[in-house]
Amino acid sequence: SLSATWPDMKAPFSTRNNSLDYLQ
């Protein structure tokens, strides 16, 4: 998950994926 509030963003950013299968 990532949340970010960077200066040039129109709105706070938030995204998430809970069905990954990396780095086994």
PDBML (XML) file of the C-alpha atoms, coordinates in Angstrom:
<?xml version="1.0" encoding="UTF-8" ?>
<PDBx:datablock datablockName="MODEL"
   xmlns:PDBx="http://pdbml.pdb.org/schema/pdbx-v50.xsd"
   xmlns:xsi="http://www.w3.org/2001/XMLSchema-instance"
   xsi:schemaLocation="http://pdbml.pdb.org/schema/pdbx-v50.xsd pdbx-v50.xsd">
   <PDBx:atom_siteCategory>
      <PDBx:atom_site id="1">
         <PDBx:B_iso_or_equiv>0.00</PDBx:B_iso_or_equiv>
         <PDBx:Cartn_x>0.000</PDBx:Cartn_x>
         <PDBx:Cartn_y>0.000</PDBx:Cartn_y>
         <PDBx:Cartn_z>0.000</PDBx:Cartn_z>
         <PDBx:auth_asym_id>A</PDBx:auth_asym_id>
         <PDBx:auth_atom_id>CA</PDBx:auth_atom_id>
         <PDBx:auth_comp_id>SER</PDBx:auth_comp_id>
         <PDBx:auth_seq_id>1</PDBx:auth_seq_id>
         <PDBx:group_PDB>ATOM</PDBx:group_PDB>
         <PDBx:label_alt_id xsi:nil="true" />
         <PDBx:label_asym_id>A</PDBx:label_asym_id>
         <PDBx:label_atom_id>CA</PDBx:label_atom_id>
         <PDBx:label_comp_id>SER</PDBx:label_comp_id>
         <PDBx:label_entity_id>1</PDBx:label_entity_id>
         <PDBx:label_seq_id>1</PDBx:label_seq_id>
         <PDBx:occupancy>1.00</PDBx:occupancy>
         <PDBx:pdbx_PDB_model_num>1</PDBx:pdbx_PDB_model_num>
         <PDBx:type_symbol>C</PDBx:type_symbol>
      </PDBx:atom_site>
      <PDBx:atom_site id="2">
         <PDBx:B_iso_or_equiv>0.00</PDBx:B_iso_or_equiv>
         <PDBx:Cartn_x>1.097</PDBx:Cartn_x>
         <PDBx:Cartn_y>3.566</PDBx:Cartn_y>
         <PDBx:Cartn_z>-0.656</PDBx:Cartn_z>
         <PDBx:auth_asym_id>A</PDBx:auth_asym_id>
         <PDBx:auth_atom_id>CA</PDBx:auth_atom_id>
         <PDBx:auth_comp_id>LEU</PDBx:auth_comp_id>
         <PDBx:auth_seq_id>2</PDBx:auth_seq_id>
         <PDBx:group_PDB>ATOM</PDBx:group_PDB>
         <PDBx:label_alt_id xsi:nil="true" />
         <PDBx:label_asym_id>A</PDBx:label_asym_id>
         <PDBx:label_atom_id>CA</PDBx:label_atom_id>
         <PDBx:label_comp_id>LEU</PDBx:label_comp_id>
         <PDBx:label_entity_id>1</PDBx:label_entity_id>
         <PDBx:label_seq_id>2</PDBx:label_seq_id>
         <PDBx:occupancy>1.00</PDBx:occupancy>
         <PDBx:pdbx_PDB_model_num>1</PDBx:pdbx_PDB_model_num>
         <PDBx:type_symbol>C</PDBx:type_symbol>
      </PDBx:atom_site>
      <PDBx:atom_site id="3">
         <PDBx:B_iso_or_equiv>0.00</PDBx:B_iso_or_equiv>
         <PDBx:Cartn_x>-0.278</PDBx:Cartn_x>
         <PDBx:Cartn_y>6.884</PDBx:Cartn_y>
         <PDBx:Cartn_z>0.512</PDBx:Cartn_z>
         <PDBx:auth_asym_id>A</PDBx:auth_asym_id>
         <PDBx:auth_atom_id>CA</PDBx:auth_atom_id>
         <PDBx:auth_comp_id>SER</PDBx:auth_comp_id>
         <PDBx:auth_seq_id>3</PDBx:auth_seq_id>
         <PDBx:group_PDB>ATOM</PDBx:group_PDB>
         <PDBx:label_alt_id xsi:nil="true" />
         <PDBx:label_asym_id>A</PDBx:label_asym_id>
         <PDBx:label_atom_id>CA</PDBx:label_atom_id>
         <PDBx:label_comp_id>SER</PDBx:label_comp_id>
         <PDBx:label_entity_id>1</PDBx:label_entity_id>
         <PDBx:label_seq_id>3</PDBx:label_seq_id>
         <PDBx:occupancy>1.00</PDBx:occupancy>
         <PDBx:pdbx_PDB_model_num>1</PDBx:pdbx_PDB_model_num>
         <PDBx:type_symbol>C</PDBx:type_symbol>
      </PDBx:atom_site>
      <PDBx:atom_site id="4">
         <PDBx:B_iso_or_equiv>0.00</PDBx:B_iso_or_equiv>
         <PDBx:Cartn_x>1.315</PDBx:Cartn_x>
         <PDBx:Cartn_y>10.158</PDBx:Cartn_y>
         <PDBx:Cartn_z>-0.550</PDBx:Cartn_z>
         <PDBx:auth_asym_id>A</PDBx:auth_asym_id>
         <PDBx:auth_atom_id>CA</PDBx:auth_atom_id>
         <PDBx:auth_comp_id>ALA</PDBx:auth_comp_id>
         <PDBx:auth_seq_id>4</PDBx:auth_seq_id>
         <PDBx:group_PDB>ATOM</PDBx:group_PDB>
         <PDBx:label_alt_id xsi:nil="true" />
         <PDBx:label_asym_id>A</PDBx:label_asym_id>
         <PDBx:label_atom_id>CA</PDBx:label_atom_id>
         <PDBx:label_comp_id>ALA</PDBx:label_comp_id>
         <PDBx:label_entity_id>1</PDBx:label_entity_id>
         <PDBx:label_seq_id>4</PDBx:label_seq_id>
         <PDBx:occupancy>1.00</PDBx:occupancy>
         <PDBx:pdbx_PDB_model_num>1</PDBx:pdbx_PDB_model_num>
         <PDBx:type_symbol>C</PDBx:type_symbol>
      </PDBx:atom_site>
      <PDBx:atom_site id="5">
         <PDBx:B_iso_or_equiv>0.00</PDBx:B_iso_or_equiv>
         <PDBx:Cartn_x>0.675</PDBx:Cartn_x>
         <PDBx:Cartn_y>13.887</PDBx:Cartn_y>
         <PDBx:Cartn_z>-0.357</PDBx:Cartn_z>
         <PDBx:auth_asym_id>A</PDBx:auth_asym_id>
         <PDBx:auth_atom_id>CA</PDBx:auth_atom_id>
         <PDBx:auth_comp_id>THR</PDBx:auth_comp_id>
         <PDBx:auth_seq_id>5</PDBx:auth_seq_id>
         <PDBx:group_PDB>ATOM</PDBx:group_PDB>
         <PDBx:label_alt_id xsi:nil="true" />
         <PDBx:label_asym_id>A</PDBx:label_asym_id>
         <PDBx:label_atom_id>CA</PDBx:label_atom_id>
         <PDBx:label_comp_id>THR</PDBx:label_comp_id>
         <PDBx:label_entity_id>1</PDBx:label_entity_id>
         <PDBx:label_seq_id>5</PDBx:label_seq_id>
         <PDBx:occupancy>1.00</PDBx:occupancy>
         <PDBx:pdbx_PDB_model_num>1</PDBx:pdbx_PDB_model_num>
         <PDBx:type_symbol>C</PDBx:type_symbol>
      </PDBx:atom_site>
      <PDBx:atom_site id="6">
         <PDBx:B_iso_or_equiv>0.00</PDBx:B_iso_or_equiv>
         <PDBx:Cartn_x>3.111</PDBx:Cartn_x>
         <PDBx:Cartn_y>15.456</PDBx:Cartn_y>
         <PDBx:Cartn_z>-2.788</PDBx:Cartn_z>
         <PDBx:auth_asym_id>A</PDBx:auth_asym_id>
         <PDBx:auth_atom_id>CA</PDBx:auth_atom_id>
         <PDBx:auth_comp_id>TRP</PDBx:auth_comp_id>
         <PDBx:auth_seq_id>6</PDBx:auth_seq_id>
         <PDBx:group_PDB>ATOM</PDBx:group_PDB>
         <PDBx:label_alt_id xsi:nil="true" />
         <PDBx:label_asym_id>A</PDBx:label_asym_id>
         <PDBx:label_atom_id>CA</PDBx:label_atom_id>
         <PDBx:label_comp_id>TRP</PDBx:label_comp_id>
         <PDBx:label_entity_id>1</PDBx:label_entity_id>
         <PDBx:label_seq_id>6</PDBx:label_seq_id>
         <PDBx:occupancy>1.00</PDBx:occupancy>
         <PDBx:pdbx_PDB_model_num>1</PDBx:pdbx_PDB_model_num>
         <PDBx:type_symbol>C</PDBx:type_symbol>
      </PDBx:atom_site>
      <PDBx:atom_site id="7">
         <PDBx:B_iso_or_equiv>0.00</PDBx:B_iso_or_equiv>
         <PDBx:Cartn_x>3.008</PDBx:Cartn_x>
         <PDBx:Cartn_y>19.167</PDBx:Cartn_y>
         <PDBx:Cartn_z>-3.701</PDBx:Cartn_z>
         <PDBx:auth_asym_id>A</PDBx:auth_asym_id>
         <PDBx:auth_atom_id>CA</PDBx:auth_atom_id>
         <PDBx:auth_comp_id>PRO</PDBx:auth_comp_id>
         <PDBx:auth_seq_id>7</PDBx:auth_seq_id>
         <PDBx:group_PDB>ATOM</PDBx:group_PDB>
         <PDBx:label_alt_id xsi:nil="true" />
         <PDBx:label_asym_id>A</PDBx:label_asym_id>
         <PDBx:label_atom_id>CA</PDBx:label_atom_id>
         <PDBx:label_comp_id>PRO</PDBx:label_comp_id>
         <PDBx:label_entity_id>1</PDBx:label_entity_id>
         <PDBx:label_seq_id>7</PDBx:label_seq_id>
         <PDBx:occupancy>1.00</PDBx:occupancy>
         <PDBx:pdbx_PDB_model_num>1</PDBx:pdbx_PDB_model_num>
         <PDBx:type_symbol>C</PDBx:type_symbol>
      </PDBx:atom_site>
      <PDBx:atom_site id="8">
         <PDBx:B_iso_or_equiv>0.00</PDBx:B_iso_or_equiv>
         <PDBx:Cartn_x>1.824</PDBx:Cartn_x>
         <PDBx:Cartn_y>18.782</PDBx:Cartn_y>
         <PDBx:Cartn_z>-7.308</PDBx:Cartn_z>
         <PDBx:auth_asym_id>A</PDBx:auth_asym_id>
         <PDBx:auth_atom_id>CA</PDBx:auth_atom_id>
         <PDBx:auth_comp_id>ASP</PDBx:auth_comp_id>
         <PDBx:auth_seq_id>8</PDBx:auth_seq_id>
         <PDBx:group_PDB>ATOM</PDBx:group_PDB>
         <PDBx:label_alt_id xsi:nil="true" />
         <PDBx:label_asym_id>A</PDBx:label_asym_id>
         <PDBx:label_atom_id>CA</PDBx:label_atom_id>
         <PDBx:label_comp_id>ASP</PDBx:label_comp_id>
         <PDBx:label_entity_id>1</PDBx:label_entity_id>
         <PDBx:label_seq_id>8</PDBx:label_seq_id>
         <PDBx:occupancy>1.00</PDBx:occupancy>
         <PDBx:pdbx_PDB_model_num>1</PDBx:pdbx_PDB_model_num>
         <PDBx:type_symbol>C</PDBx:type_symbol>
      </PDBx:atom_site>
      <PDBx:atom_site id="9">
         <PDBx:B_iso_or_equiv>0.00</PDBx:B_iso_or_equiv>
         <PDBx:Cartn_x>-1.017</PDBx:Cartn_x>
         <PDBx:Cartn_y>16.323</PDBx:Cartn_y>
         <PDBx:Cartn_z>-6.571</PDBx:Cartn_z>
         <PDBx:auth_asym_id>A</PDBx:auth_asym_id>
         <PDBx:auth_atom_id>CA</PDBx:auth_atom_id>
         <PDBx:auth_comp_id>MET</PDBx:auth_comp_id>
         <PDBx:auth_seq_id>9</PDBx:auth_seq_id>
         <PDBx:group_PDB>ATOM</PDBx:group_PDB>
         <PDBx:label_alt_id xsi:nil="true" />
         <PDBx:label_asym_id>A</PDBx:label_asym_id>
         <PDBx:label_atom_id>CA</PDBx:label_atom_id>
         <PDBx:label_comp_id>MET</PDBx:label_comp_id>
         <PDBx:label_entity_id>1</PDBx:label_entity_id>
         <PDBx:label_seq_id>9</PDBx:label_seq_id>
         <PDBx:occupancy>1.00</PDBx:occupancy>
         <PDBx:pdbx_PDB_model_num>1</PDBx:pdbx_PDB_model_num>
         <PDBx:type_symbol>C</PDBx:type_symbol>
      </PDBx:atom_site>
      <PDBx:atom_site id="10">
         <PDBx:B_iso_or_equiv>0.00</PDBx:B_iso_or_equiv>
         <PDBx:Cartn_x>-4.599</PDBx:Cartn_x>
         <PDBx:Cartn_y>17.483</PDBx:Cartn_y>
         <PDBx:Cartn_z>-7.062</PDBx:Cartn_z>
         <PDBx:auth_asym_id>A</PDBx:auth_asym_id>
         <PDBx:auth_atom_id>CA</PDBx:auth_atom_id>
         <PDBx:auth_comp_id>LYS</PDBx:auth_comp_id>
         <PDBx:auth_seq_id>10</PDBx:auth_seq_id>
         <PDBx:group_PDB>ATOM</PDBx:group_PDB>
         <PDBx:label_alt_id xsi:nil="true" />
         <PDBx:label_asym_id>A</PDBx:label_asym_id>
         <PDBx:label_atom_id>CA</PDBx:label_atom_id>
         <PDBx:label_comp_id>LYS</PDBx:label_comp_id>
         <PDBx:label_entity_id>1</PDBx:label_entity_id>
         <PDBx:label_seq_id>10</PDBx:label_seq_id>
         <PDBx:occupancy>1.00</PDBx:occupancy>
         <PDBx:pdbx_PDB_model_num>1</PDBx:pdbx_PDB_model_num>
         <PDBx:type_symbol>C</PDBx:type_symbol>
      </PDBx:atom_site>
      <PDBx:atom_site id="11">
         <PDBx:B_iso_or_equiv>0.00</PDBx:B_iso_or_equiv>
         <PDBx:Cartn_x>-5.677</PDBx:Cartn_x>
         <PDBx:Cartn_y>15.159</PDBx:Cartn_y>
         <PDBx:Cartn_z>-4.247</PDBx:Cartn_z>
         <PDBx:auth_asym_id>A</PDBx:auth_asym_id>
         <PDBx:auth_atom_id>CA</PDBx:auth_atom_id>
         <PDBx:auth_comp_id>ALA</PDBx:auth_comp_id>
         <PDBx:auth_seq_id>11</PDBx:auth_seq_id>
         <PDBx:group_PDB>ATOM</PDBx:group_PDB>
         <PDBx:label_alt_id xsi:nil="true" />
         <PDBx:label_asym_id>A</PDBx:label_asym_id>
         <PDBx:label_atom_id>CA</PDBx:label_atom_id>
         <PDBx:label_comp_id>ALA</PDBx:label_comp_id>
         <PDBx:label_entity_id>1</PDBx:label_entity_id>
         <PDBx:label_seq_id>11</PDBx:label_seq_id>
         <PDBx:occupancy>1.00</PDBx:occupancy>
         <PDBx:pdbx_PDB_model_num>1</PDBx:pdbx_PDB_model_num>
         <PDBx:type_symbol>C</PDBx:type_symbol>
      </PDBx:atom_site>
      <PDBx:atom_site id="12">
         <PDBx:B_iso_or_equiv>0.00</PDBx:B_iso_or_equiv>
         <PDBx:Cartn_x>-3.949</PDBx:Cartn_x>
         <PDBx:Cartn_y>12.895</PDBx:Cartn_y>
         <PDBx:Cartn_z>-1.716</PDBx:Cartn_z>
         <PDBx:auth_asym_id>A</PDBx:auth_asym_id>
         <PDBx:auth_atom_id>CA</PDBx:auth_atom_id>
         <PDBx:auth_comp_id>PRO</PDBx:auth_comp_id>
         <PDBx:auth_seq_id>12</PDBx:auth_seq_id>
         <PDBx:group_PDB>ATOM</PDBx:group_PDB>
         <PDBx:label_alt_id xsi:nil="true" />
         <PDBx:label_asym_id>A</PDBx:label_asym_id>
         <PDBx:label_atom_id>CA</PDBx:label_atom_id>
         <PDBx:label_comp_id>PRO</PDBx:label_comp_id>
         <PDBx:label_entity_id>1</PDBx:label_entity_id>
         <PDBx:label_seq_id>12</PDBx:label_seq_id>
         <PDBx:occupancy>1.00</PDBx:occupancy>
         <PDBx:pdbx_PDB_model_num>1</PDBx:pdbx_PDB_model_num>
         <PDBx:type_symbol>C</PDBx:type_symbol>
      </PDBx:atom_site>
      <PDBx:atom_site id="13">
         <PDBx:B_iso_or_equiv>0.00</PDBx:B_iso_or_equiv>
         <PDBx:Cartn_x>-2.809</PDBx:Cartn_x>
         <PDBx:Cartn_y>9.680</PDBx:Cartn_y>
         <PDBx:Cartn_z>-3.365</PDBx:Cartn_z>
         <PDBx:auth_asym_id>A</PDBx:auth_asym_id>
         <PDBx:auth_atom_id>CA</PDBx:auth_atom_id>
         <PDBx:auth_comp_id>PHE</PDBx:auth_comp_id>
         <PDBx:auth_seq_id>13</PDBx:auth_seq_id>
         <PDBx:group_PDB>ATOM</PDBx:group_PDB>
         <PDBx:label_alt_id xsi:nil="true" />
         <PDBx:label_asym_id>A</PDBx:label_asym_id>
         <PDBx:label_atom_id>CA</PDBx:label_atom_id>
         <PDBx:label_comp_id>PHE</PDBx:label_comp_id>
         <PDBx:label_entity_id>1</PDBx:label_entity_id>
         <PDBx:label_seq_id>13</PDBx:label_seq_id>
         <PDBx:occupancy>1.00</PDBx:occupancy>
         <PDBx:pdbx_PDB_model_num>1</PDBx:pdbx_PDB_model_num>
         <PDBx:type_symbol>C</PDBx:type_symbol>
      </PDBx:atom_site>
      <PDBx:atom_site id="14">
         <PDBx:B_iso_or_equiv>0.00</PDBx:B_iso_or_equiv>
         <PDBx:Cartn_x>-3.719</PDBx:Cartn_x>
         <PDBx:Cartn_y>6.251</PDBx:Cartn_y>
         <PDBx:Cartn_z>-2.019</PDBx:Cartn_z>
         <PDBx:auth_asym_id>A</PDBx:auth_asym_id>
         <PDBx:auth_atom_id>CA</PDBx:auth_atom_id>
         <PDBx:auth_comp_id>SER</PDBx:auth_comp_id>
         <PDBx:auth_seq_id>14</PDBx:auth_seq_id>
         <PDBx:group_PDB>ATOM</PDBx:group_PDB>
         <PDBx:label_alt_id xsi:nil="true" />
         <PDBx:label_asym_id>A</PDBx:label_asym_id>
         <PDBx:label_atom_id>CA</PDBx:label_atom_id>
         <PDBx:label_comp_id>SER</PDBx:label_comp_id>
         <PDBx:label_entity_id>1</PDBx:label_entity_id>
         <PDBx:label_seq_id>14</PDBx:label_seq_id>
         <PDBx:occupancy>1.00</PDBx:occupancy>
         <PDBx:pdbx_PDB_model_num>1</PDBx:pdbx_PDB_model_num>
         <PDBx:type_symbol>C</PDBx:type_symbol>
      </PDBx:atom_site>
      <PDBx:atom_site id="15">
         <PDBx:B_iso_or_equiv>0.00</PDBx:B_iso_or_equiv>
         <PDBx:Cartn_x>-3.532</PDBx:Cartn_x>
         <PDBx:Cartn_y>2.794</PDBx:Cartn_y>
         <PDBx:Cartn_z>-3.575</PDBx:Cartn_z>
         <PDBx:auth_asym_id>A</PDBx:auth_asym_id>
         <PDBx:auth_atom_id>CA</PDBx:auth_atom_id>
         <PDBx:auth_comp_id>THR</PDBx:auth_comp_id>
         <PDBx:auth_seq_id>15</PDBx:auth_seq_id>
         <PDBx:group_PDB>ATOM</PDBx:group_PDB>
         <PDBx:label_alt_id xsi:nil="true" />
         <PDBx:label_asym_id>A</PDBx:label_asym_id>
         <PDBx:label_atom_id>CA</PDBx:label_atom_id>
         <PDBx:label_comp_id>THR</PDBx:label_comp_id>
         <PDBx:label_entity_id>1</PDBx:label_entity_id>
         <PDBx:label_seq_id>15</PDBx:label_seq_id>
         <PDBx:occupancy>1.00</PDBx:occupancy>
         <PDBx:pdbx_PDB_model_num>1</PDBx:pdbx_PDB_model_num>
         <PDBx:type_symbol>C</PDBx:type_symbol>
      </PDBx:atom_site>
      <PDBx:atom_site id="16">
         <PDBx:B_iso_or_equiv>0.00</PDBx:B_iso_or_equiv>
         <PDBx:Cartn_x>-3.362</PDBx:Cartn_x>
         <PDBx:Cartn_y>-0.800</PDBx:Cartn_y>
         <PDBx:Cartn_z>-2.357</PDBx:Cartn_z>
         <PDBx:auth_asym_id>A</PDBx:auth_asym_id>
         <PDBx:auth_atom_id>CA</PDBx:auth_atom_id>
         <PDBx:auth_comp_id>ARG</PDBx:auth_comp_id>
         <PDBx:auth_seq_id>16</PDBx:auth_seq_id>
         <PDBx:group_PDB>ATOM</PDBx:group_PDB>
         <PDBx:label_alt_id xsi:nil="true" />
         <PDBx:label_asym_id>A</PDBx:label_asym_id>
         <PDBx:label_atom_id>CA</PDBx:label_atom_id>
         <PDBx:label_comp_id>ARG</PDBx:label_comp_id>
         <PDBx:label_entity_id>1</PDBx:label_entity_id>
         <PDBx:label_seq_id>16</PDBx:label_seq_id>
         <PDBx:occupancy>1.00</PDBx:occupancy>
         <PDBx:pdbx_PDB_model_num>1</PDBx:pdbx_PDB_model_num>
         <PDBx:type_symbol>C</PDBx:type_symbol>
      </PDBx:atom_site>
      <PDBx:atom_site id="17">
         <PDBx:B_iso_or_equiv>0.00</PDBx:B_iso_or_equiv>
         <PDBx:Cartn_x>-3.204</PDBx:Cartn_x>
         <PDBx:Cartn_y>-4.375</PDBx:Cartn_y>
         <PDBx:Cartn_z>-3.622</PDBx:Cartn_z>
         <PDBx:auth_asym_id>A</PDBx:auth_asym_id>
         <PDBx:auth_atom_id>CA</PDBx:auth_atom_id>
         <PDBx:auth_comp_id>ASN</PDBx:auth_comp_id>
         <PDBx:auth_seq_id>17</PDBx:auth_seq_id>
         <PDBx:group_PDB>ATOM</PDBx:group_PDB>
         <PDBx:label_alt_id xsi:nil="true" />
         <PDBx:label_asym_id>A</PDBx:label_asym_id>
         <PDBx:label_atom_id>CA</PDBx:label_atom_id>
         <PDBx:label_comp_id>ASN</PDBx:label_comp_id>
         <PDBx:label_entity_id>1</PDBx:label_entity_id>
         <PDBx:label_seq_id>17</PDBx:label_seq_id>
         <PDBx:occupancy>1.00</PDBx:occupancy>
         <PDBx:pdbx_PDB_model_num>1</PDBx:pdbx_PDB_model_num>
         <PDBx:type_symbol>C</PDBx:type_symbol>
      </PDBx:atom_site>
      <PDBx:atom_site id="18">
         <PDBx:B_iso_or_equiv>0.00</PDBx:B_iso_or_equiv>
         <PDBx:Cartn_x>-3.649</PDBx:Cartn_x>
         <PDBx:Cartn_y>-7.300</PDBx:Cartn_y>
         <PDBx:Cartn_z>-1.214</PDBx:Cartn_z>
         <PDBx:auth_asym_id>A</PDBx:auth_asym_id>
         <PDBx:auth_atom_id>CA</PDBx:auth_atom_id>
         <PDBx:auth_comp_id>ASN</PDBx:auth_comp_id>
         <PDBx:auth_seq_id>18</PDBx:auth_seq_id>
         <PDBx:group_PDB>ATOM</PDBx:group_PDB>
         <PDBx:label_alt_id xsi:nil="true" />
         <PDBx:label_asym_id>A</PDBx:label_asym_id>
         <PDBx:label_atom_id>CA</PDBx:label_atom_id>
         <PDBx:label_comp_id>ASN</PDBx:label_comp_id>
         <PDBx:label_entity_id>1</PDBx:label_entity_id>
         <PDBx:label_seq_id>18</PDBx:label_seq_id>
         <PDBx:occupancy>1.00</PDBx:occupancy>
         <PDBx:pdbx_PDB_model_num>1</PDBx:pdbx_PDB_model_num>
         <PDBx:type_symbol>C</PDBx:type_symbol>
      </PDBx:atom_site>
      <PDBx:atom_site id="19">
         <PDBx:B_iso_or_equiv>0.00</PDBx:B_iso_or_equiv>
         <PDBx:Cartn_x>-3.435</PDBx:Cartn_x>
         <PDBx:Cartn_y>-10.129</PDBx:Cartn_y>
         <PDBx:Cartn_z>-3.761</PDBx:Cartn_z>
         <PDBx:auth_asym_id>A</PDBx:auth_asym_id>
         <PDBx:auth_atom_id>CA</PDBx:auth_atom_id>
         <PDBx:auth_comp_id>SER</PDBx:auth_comp_id>
         <PDBx:auth_seq_id>19</PDBx:auth_seq_id>
         <PDBx:group_PDB>ATOM</PDBx:group_PDB>
         <PDBx:label_alt_id xsi:nil="true" />
         <PDBx:label_asym_id>A</PDBx:label_asym_id>
         <PDBx:label_atom_id>CA</PDBx:label_atom_id>
         <PDBx:label_comp_id>SER</PDBx:label_comp_id>
         <PDBx:label_entity_id>1</PDBx:label_entity_id>
         <PDBx:label_seq_id>19</PDBx:label_seq_id>
         <PDBx:occupancy>1.00</PDBx:occupancy>
         <PDBx:pdbx_PDB_model_num>1</PDBx:pdbx_PDB_model_num>
         <PDBx:type_symbol>C</PDBx:type_symbol>
      </PDBx:atom_site>
      <PDBx:atom_site id="20">
         <PDBx:B_iso_or_equiv>0.00</PDBx:B_iso_or_equiv>
         <PDBx:Cartn_x>0.238</PDBx:Cartn_x>
         <PDBx:Cartn_y>-10.054</PDBx:Cartn_y>
         <PDBx:Cartn_z>-4.689</PDBx:Cartn_z>
         <PDBx:auth_asym_id>A</PDBx:auth_asym_id>
         <PDBx:auth_atom_id>CA</PDBx:auth_atom_id>
         <PDBx:auth_comp_id>LEU</PDBx:auth_comp_id>
         <PDBx:auth_seq_id>20</PDBx:auth_seq_id>
         <PDBx:group_PDB>ATOM</PDBx:group_PDB>
         <PDBx:label_alt_id xsi:nil="true" />
         <PDBx:label_asym_id>A</PDBx:label_asym_id>
         <PDBx:label_atom_id>CA</PDBx:label_atom_id>
         <PDBx:label_comp_id>LEU</PDBx:label_comp_id>
         <PDBx:label_entity_id>1</PDBx:label_entity_id>
         <PDBx:label_seq_id>20</PDBx:label_seq_id>
         <PDBx:occupancy>1.00</PDBx:occupancy>
         <PDBx:pdbx_PDB_model_num>1</PDBx:pdbx_PDB_model_num>
         <PDBx:type_symbol>C</PDBx:type_symbol>
      </PDBx:atom_site>
      <PDBx:atom_site id="21">
         <PDBx:B_iso_or_equiv>0.00</PDBx:B_iso_or_equiv>
         <PDBx:Cartn_x>2.677</PDBx:Cartn_x>
         <PDBx:Cartn_y>-12.956</PDBx:Cartn_y>
         <PDBx:Cartn_z>-4.869</PDBx:Cartn_z>
         <PDBx:auth_asym_id>A</PDBx:auth_asym_id>
         <PDBx:auth_atom_id>CA</PDBx:auth_atom_id>
         <PDBx:auth_comp_id>ASP</PDBx:auth_comp_id>
         <PDBx:auth_seq_id>21</PDBx:auth_seq_id>
         <PDBx:group_PDB>ATOM</PDBx:group_PDB>
         <PDBx:label_alt_id xsi:nil="true" />
         <PDBx:label_asym_id>A</PDBx:label_asym_id>
         <PDBx:label_atom_id>CA</PDBx:label_atom_id>
         <PDBx:label_comp_id>ASP</PDBx:label_comp_id>
         <PDBx:label_entity_id>1</PDBx:label_entity_id>
         <PDBx:label_seq_id>21</PDBx:label_seq_id>
         <PDBx:occupancy>1.00</PDBx:occupancy>
         <PDBx:pdbx_PDB_model_num>1</PDBx:pdbx_PDB_model_num>
         <PDBx:type_symbol>C</PDBx:type_symbol>
      </PDBx:atom_site>
      <PDBx:atom_site id="22">
         <PDBx:B_iso_or_equiv>0.00</PDBx:B_iso_or_equiv>
         <PDBx:Cartn_x>6.208</PDBx:Cartn_x>
         <PDBx:Cartn_y>-11.501</PDBx:Cartn_y>
         <PDBx:Cartn_z>-5.085</PDBx:Cartn_z>
         <PDBx:auth_asym_id>A</PDBx:auth_asym_id>
         <PDBx:auth_atom_id>CA</PDBx:auth_atom_id>
         <PDBx:auth_comp_id>TYR</PDBx:auth_comp_id>
         <PDBx:auth_seq_id>22</PDBx:auth_seq_id>
         <PDBx:group_PDB>ATOM</PDBx:group_PDB>
         <PDBx:label_alt_id xsi:nil="true" />
         <PDBx:label_asym_id>A</PDBx:label_asym_id>
         <PDBx:label_atom_id>CA</PDBx:label_atom_id>
         <PDBx:label_comp_id>TYR</PDBx:label_comp_id>
         <PDBx:label_entity_id>1</PDBx:label_entity_id>
         <PDBx:label_seq_id>22</PDBx:label_seq_id>
         <PDBx:occupancy>1.00</PDBx:occupancy>
         <PDBx:pdbx_PDB_model_num>1</PDBx:pdbx_PDB_model_num>
         <PDBx:type_symbol>C</PDBx:type_symbol>
      </PDBx:atom_site>
      <PDBx:atom_site id="23">
         <PDBx:B_iso_or_equiv>0.00</PDBx:B_iso_or_equiv>
         <PDBx:Cartn_x>9.556</PDBx:Cartn_x>
         <PDBx:Cartn_y>-12.071</PDBx:Cartn_y>
         <PDBx:Cartn_z>-3.332</PDBx:Cartn_z>
         <PDBx:auth_asym_id>A</PDBx:auth_asym_id>
         <PDBx:auth_atom_id>CA</PDBx:auth_atom_id>
         <PDBx:auth_comp_id>LEU</PDBx:auth_comp_id>
         <PDBx:auth_seq_id>23</PDBx:auth_seq_id>
         <PDBx:group_PDB>ATOM</PDBx:group_PDB>
         <PDBx:label_alt_id xsi:nil="true" />
         <PDBx:label_asym_id>A</PDBx:label_asym_id>
         <PDBx:label_atom_id>CA</PDBx:label_atom_id>
         <PDBx:label_comp_id>LEU</PDBx:label_comp_id>
         <PDBx:label_entity_id>1</PDBx:label_entity_id>
         <PDBx:label_seq_id>23</PDBx:label_seq_id>
         <PDBx:occupancy>1.00</PDBx:occupancy>
         <PDBx:pdbx_PDB_model_num>1</PDBx:pdbx_PDB_model_num>
         <PDBx:type_symbol>C</PDBx:type_symbol>
      </PDBx:atom_site>
      <PDBx:atom_site id="24">
         <PDBx:B_iso_or_equiv>0.00</PDBx:B_iso_or_equiv>
         <PDBx:Cartn_x>8.973</PDBx:Cartn_x>
         <PDBx:Cartn_y>-15.718</PDBx:Cartn_y>
         <PDBx:Cartn_z>-2.448</PDBx:Cartn_z>
         <PDBx:auth_asym_id>A</PDBx:auth_asym_id>
         <PDBx:auth_atom_id>CA</PDBx:auth_atom_id>
         <PDBx:auth_comp_id>GLN</PDBx:auth_comp_id>
         <PDBx:auth_seq_id>24</PDBx:auth_seq_id>
         <PDBx:group_PDB>ATOM</PDBx:group_PDB>
         <PDBx:label_alt_id xsi:nil="true" />
         <PDBx:label_asym_id>A</PDBx:label_asym_id>
         <PDBx:label_atom_id>CA</PDBx:label_atom_id>
         <PDBx:label_comp_id>GLN</PDBx:label_comp_id>
         <PDBx:label_entity_id>1</PDBx:label_entity_id>
         <PDBx:label_seq_id>24</PDBx:label_seq_id>
         <PDBx:occupancy>1.00</PDBx:occupancy>
         <PDBx:pdbx_PDB_model_num>1</PDBx:pdbx_PDB_model_num>
         <PDBx:type_symbol>C</PDBx:type_symbol>
      </PDBx:atom_site>
   </PDBx:atom_siteCategory>
</PDBx:datablock>
